[in-house]
N, C-alpha and C. Protein backbone atom coordinates (compact mmCIF):
# COMPACT_ATOMS: atom_id res chain seq x y z
N UNK A 1 -255.86 -25.88 80.92
CA UNK A 1 -255.08 -26.42 80.05
C UNK A 1 -256.09 -25.22 78.71
N UNK A 2 -255.60 -25.20 77.73
CA UNK A 2 -256.01 -24.21 76.75
C UNK A 2 -256.87 -25.37 75.47
N UNK A 3 -257.83 -25.17 74.90
CA UNK A 3 -258.27 -26.12 73.47
C UNK A 3 -257.51 -26.02 72.40
N UNK A 4 -256.38 -24.43 72.52
CA UNK A 4 -255.46 -24.92 71.81
C UNK A 4 -255.16 -26.38 71.16
N UNK A 5 -254.61 -26.70 72.05
CA UNK A 5 -253.79 -27.50 71.74
C UNK A 5 -254.53 -28.53 71.84
N UNK A 6 -255.49 -28.91 72.06
CA UNK A 6 -256.14 -30.35 71.69
C UNK A 6 -256.72 -30.50 70.58
N UNK A 7 -257.32 -28.78 70.39
CA UNK A 7 -257.20 -28.83 68.25
C UNK A 7 -256.84 -29.12 67.16
N UNK A 8 -254.95 -28.48 68.26
CA UNK A 8 -253.79 -28.28 67.17
C UNK A 8 -253.68 -29.57 65.70
N UNK A 9 -253.74 -29.48 64.30
CA UNK A 9 -253.94 -30.64 64.25
C UNK A 9 -252.54 -31.46 63.71
N UNK A 10 -252.85 -32.87 64.04
CA UNK A 10 -251.84 -33.90 64.29
C UNK A 10 -250.75 -33.64 63.36
N UNK A 11 -249.54 -34.48 63.26
CA UNK A 11 -248.55 -34.13 62.14
C UNK A 11 -248.84 -36.09 61.94
N UNK A 12 -248.82 -35.57 60.56
CA UNK A 12 -248.77 -37.13 60.17
C UNK A 12 -246.93 -38.44 60.53
N UNK A 13 -247.88 -39.14 61.04
CA UNK A 13 -246.79 -40.25 61.03
C UNK A 13 -246.08 -40.80 60.58
N UNK A 14 -244.99 -41.33 60.72
CA UNK A 14 -244.49 -41.62 59.20
C UNK A 14 -243.59 -43.27 59.96
N UNK A 15 -244.28 -43.89 59.02
CA UNK A 15 -243.84 -45.47 59.06
C UNK A 15 -243.10 -45.86 58.43
N UNK A 16 -242.16 -47.38 58.47
CA UNK A 16 -242.05 -47.75 57.09
C UNK A 16 -242.63 -48.94 56.81
N UNK A 17 -242.04 -48.41 55.07
CA UNK A 17 -243.03 -49.17 54.05
C UNK A 17 -243.10 -50.95 54.46
N UNK A 18 -243.44 -51.93 54.71
CA UNK A 18 -242.79 -53.17 55.14
C UNK A 18 -242.44 -53.76 53.57
N UNK A 19 -242.20 -53.27 52.90
CA UNK A 19 -242.57 -53.75 51.09
C UNK A 19 -240.52 -53.51 51.16
N UNK A 20 -240.30 -51.93 51.09
CA UNK A 20 -239.23 -51.82 50.07
C UNK A 20 -238.10 -51.30 50.70
N UNK A 21 -239.05 -50.64 52.87
CA UNK A 21 -238.21 -50.42 53.65
C UNK A 21 -238.41 -48.86 53.40
N UNK A 22 -239.09 -48.13 52.60
CA UNK A 22 -239.10 -46.58 52.44
C UNK A 22 -240.01 -46.22 53.77
N UNK A 23 -239.94 -45.05 53.22
CA UNK A 23 -240.75 -44.17 54.11
C UNK A 23 -242.12 -44.06 53.95
N UNK A 24 -243.36 -44.06 54.66
CA UNK A 24 -244.82 -44.40 53.90
C UNK A 24 -245.33 -43.36 55.08
N UNK A 25 -246.17 -42.82 54.75
CA UNK A 25 -247.22 -41.65 55.63
C UNK A 25 -248.05 -42.27 56.37
N UNK A 26 -248.33 -42.79 57.59
CA UNK A 26 -249.24 -42.82 58.01
C UNK A 26 -251.02 -42.66 58.78
N UNK A 27 -251.07 -41.80 57.42
CA UNK A 27 -252.34 -40.86 57.27
C UNK A 27 -253.50 -41.60 57.15
N UNK A 28 -254.67 -41.08 57.25
CA UNK A 28 -256.21 -41.24 55.84
C UNK A 28 -255.31 -40.37 54.65
N UNK A 29 -254.41 -39.76 54.56
CA UNK A 29 -254.63 -39.31 53.51
C UNK A 29 -253.76 -40.46 52.25
N UNK A 30 -253.20 -41.33 52.73
CA UNK A 30 -252.45 -42.30 51.89
C UNK A 30 -253.27 -43.63 51.78
N UNK A 31 -253.90 -43.82 50.97
CA UNK A 31 -255.06 -44.97 51.15
C UNK A 31 -253.82 -46.43 50.98
N UNK A 32 -252.72 -46.22 50.33
CA UNK A 32 -251.95 -47.20 50.70
C UNK A 32 -251.17 -47.84 51.98
N UNK A 33 -251.53 -47.15 52.64
CA UNK A 33 -250.85 -47.38 54.58
C UNK A 33 -251.33 -48.59 54.85
N UNK A 34 -250.14 -49.29 55.03
CA UNK A 34 -248.71 -49.21 55.78
C UNK A 34 -247.77 -48.80 54.41
N UNK A 35 -248.14 -49.10 53.68
CA UNK A 35 -247.32 -49.22 52.20
C UNK A 35 -246.81 -47.88 52.04
N UNK A 36 -246.16 -47.54 50.90
CA UNK A 36 -246.22 -46.22 50.48
C UNK A 36 -246.49 -45.42 48.78
N UNK A 37 -246.47 -46.86 48.39
CA UNK A 37 -247.39 -46.38 47.24
C UNK A 37 -248.67 -47.69 47.14
N UNK A 38 -248.83 -47.89 46.49
CA UNK A 38 -249.87 -49.18 44.93
C UNK A 38 -248.59 -50.01 44.53
N UNK A 39 -247.71 -49.64 44.38
CA UNK A 39 -247.10 -50.52 44.17
C UNK A 39 -246.12 -51.47 44.50
N UNK A 40 -246.28 -51.34 46.14
CA UNK A 40 -245.61 -52.24 46.76
C UNK A 40 -246.63 -52.73 47.88
N UNK A 41 -248.32 -52.15 47.50
CA UNK A 41 -248.58 -53.04 48.29
C UNK A 41 -249.37 -54.14 47.61
N UNK A 42 -249.47 -53.64 45.91
CA UNK A 42 -249.31 -54.96 45.03
C UNK A 42 -248.74 -55.99 45.13
N UNK A 43 -247.07 -55.71 45.16
CA UNK A 43 -246.17 -56.50 45.33
C UNK A 43 -246.39 -57.12 46.79
N UNK A 44 -246.39 -56.97 48.18
CA UNK A 44 -246.65 -57.52 49.14
C UNK A 44 -248.48 -58.59 48.88
N UNK A 45 -249.38 -58.24 48.00
CA UNK A 45 -250.37 -58.84 47.63
C UNK A 45 -250.30 -60.12 47.00
N UNK A 46 -249.34 -60.00 46.40
CA UNK A 46 -249.11 -61.23 45.22
C UNK A 46 -248.04 -61.68 45.97
N UNK A 47 -247.41 -61.61 47.22
CA UNK A 47 -246.04 -62.57 47.81
C UNK A 47 -246.95 -63.19 48.41
N UNK A 48 -248.57 -62.78 49.34
CA UNK A 48 -249.14 -63.46 49.62
C UNK A 48 -250.50 -64.57 48.75
N UNK A 49 -251.03 -64.13 48.06
CA UNK A 49 -251.34 -65.01 46.87
C UNK A 49 -250.68 -66.18 46.02
N UNK A 50 -249.35 -66.07 45.99
CA UNK A 50 -248.62 -66.82 45.66
C UNK A 50 -248.17 -67.67 47.50
N UNK A 51 -248.32 -67.86 48.02
CA UNK A 51 -247.99 -67.88 48.79
C UNK A 51 -246.13 -67.98 50.29
N UNK A 52 -245.59 -66.99 49.51
CA UNK A 52 -244.84 -67.21 49.85
C UNK A 52 -244.70 -66.54 51.67
N UNK A 53 -245.62 -66.19 52.21
CA UNK A 53 -245.45 -65.75 53.46
C UNK A 53 -245.67 -67.29 54.37
N UNK A 54 -245.14 -67.90 55.29
CA UNK A 54 -246.38 -69.42 55.94
C UNK A 54 -245.52 -69.30 56.81
N UNK A 55 -246.09 -69.68 58.02
CA UNK A 55 -245.81 -69.74 59.58
C UNK A 55 -245.38 -71.52 59.51
N UNK A 56 -243.99 -71.08 60.45
CA UNK A 56 -243.72 -72.24 60.40
C UNK A 56 -243.89 -73.35 60.52
N UNK A 57 -244.03 -74.49 60.20
CA UNK A 57 -244.38 -76.02 60.81
C UNK A 57 -243.50 -77.18 60.94
N UNK A 58 -244.01 -77.78 61.96
CA UNK A 58 -243.09 -79.16 61.94
C UNK A 58 -244.01 -80.19 61.81
N UNK A 59 -245.04 -80.96 60.84
CA UNK A 59 -245.91 -82.21 60.62
C UNK A 59 -244.87 -83.36 61.43
N UNK A 60 -245.52 -84.08 61.86
CA UNK A 60 -244.35 -85.57 62.50
C UNK A 60 -244.59 -86.02 61.02
N UNK A 61 -243.58 -87.05 61.09
CA UNK A 61 -243.43 -88.26 60.05
C UNK A 61 -244.64 -88.85 60.13
N UNK A 62 -245.41 -89.15 58.44
CA UNK A 62 -246.41 -89.54 58.20
C UNK A 62 -247.01 -90.76 59.21
N UNK A 63 -245.71 -91.58 60.02
CA UNK A 63 -245.15 -93.06 60.59
C UNK A 63 -246.11 -92.63 62.33
N UNK A 64 -245.81 -91.50 62.07
CA UNK A 64 -246.15 -90.92 63.82
C UNK A 64 -247.64 -90.65 63.69
N UNK A 65 -248.31 -91.01 64.99
CA UNK A 65 -249.62 -90.87 65.43
C UNK A 65 -249.23 -89.04 66.02
N UNK A 66 -250.50 -88.31 65.81
CA UNK A 66 -250.16 -86.66 66.22
C UNK A 66 -250.88 -87.51 68.14
N UNK A 67 -250.21 -85.93 68.61
CA UNK A 67 -251.05 -86.37 70.22
C UNK A 67 -249.74 -87.22 70.79
N UNK A 68 -249.64 -86.73 72.00
CA UNK A 68 -249.13 -87.08 73.08
C UNK A 68 -249.19 -88.17 73.40
N UNK A 69 -247.89 -89.49 73.32
CA UNK A 69 -247.99 -90.79 73.14
C UNK A 69 -248.40 -91.15 74.70
N UNK A 70 -248.18 -90.27 75.73
CA UNK A 70 -248.01 -90.67 76.81
C UNK A 70 -249.67 -90.78 77.14
N UNK A 71 -250.47 -90.38 76.71
CA UNK A 71 -251.97 -91.02 76.68
C UNK A 71 -252.40 -91.66 75.64
N UNK A 72 -251.78 -91.70 75.14
CA UNK A 72 -252.90 -92.81 74.49
C UNK A 72 -252.12 -94.55 74.67
């Protein structure tokens, strides 16, 4: 194999921006990756800060104990 193939510059990877859905360059040249811009990064950060992103959880009713009832 030739060393010139291994030393060839890599093409930047294009990914979908999680905020706007546009193209985003996923490479060290993009300091906002995986976002396409600082604006999209800040929008996403704001959503986390205001707790818009949450894992769905079903809590038992207040009058029900936690755990397996067979073990109590």
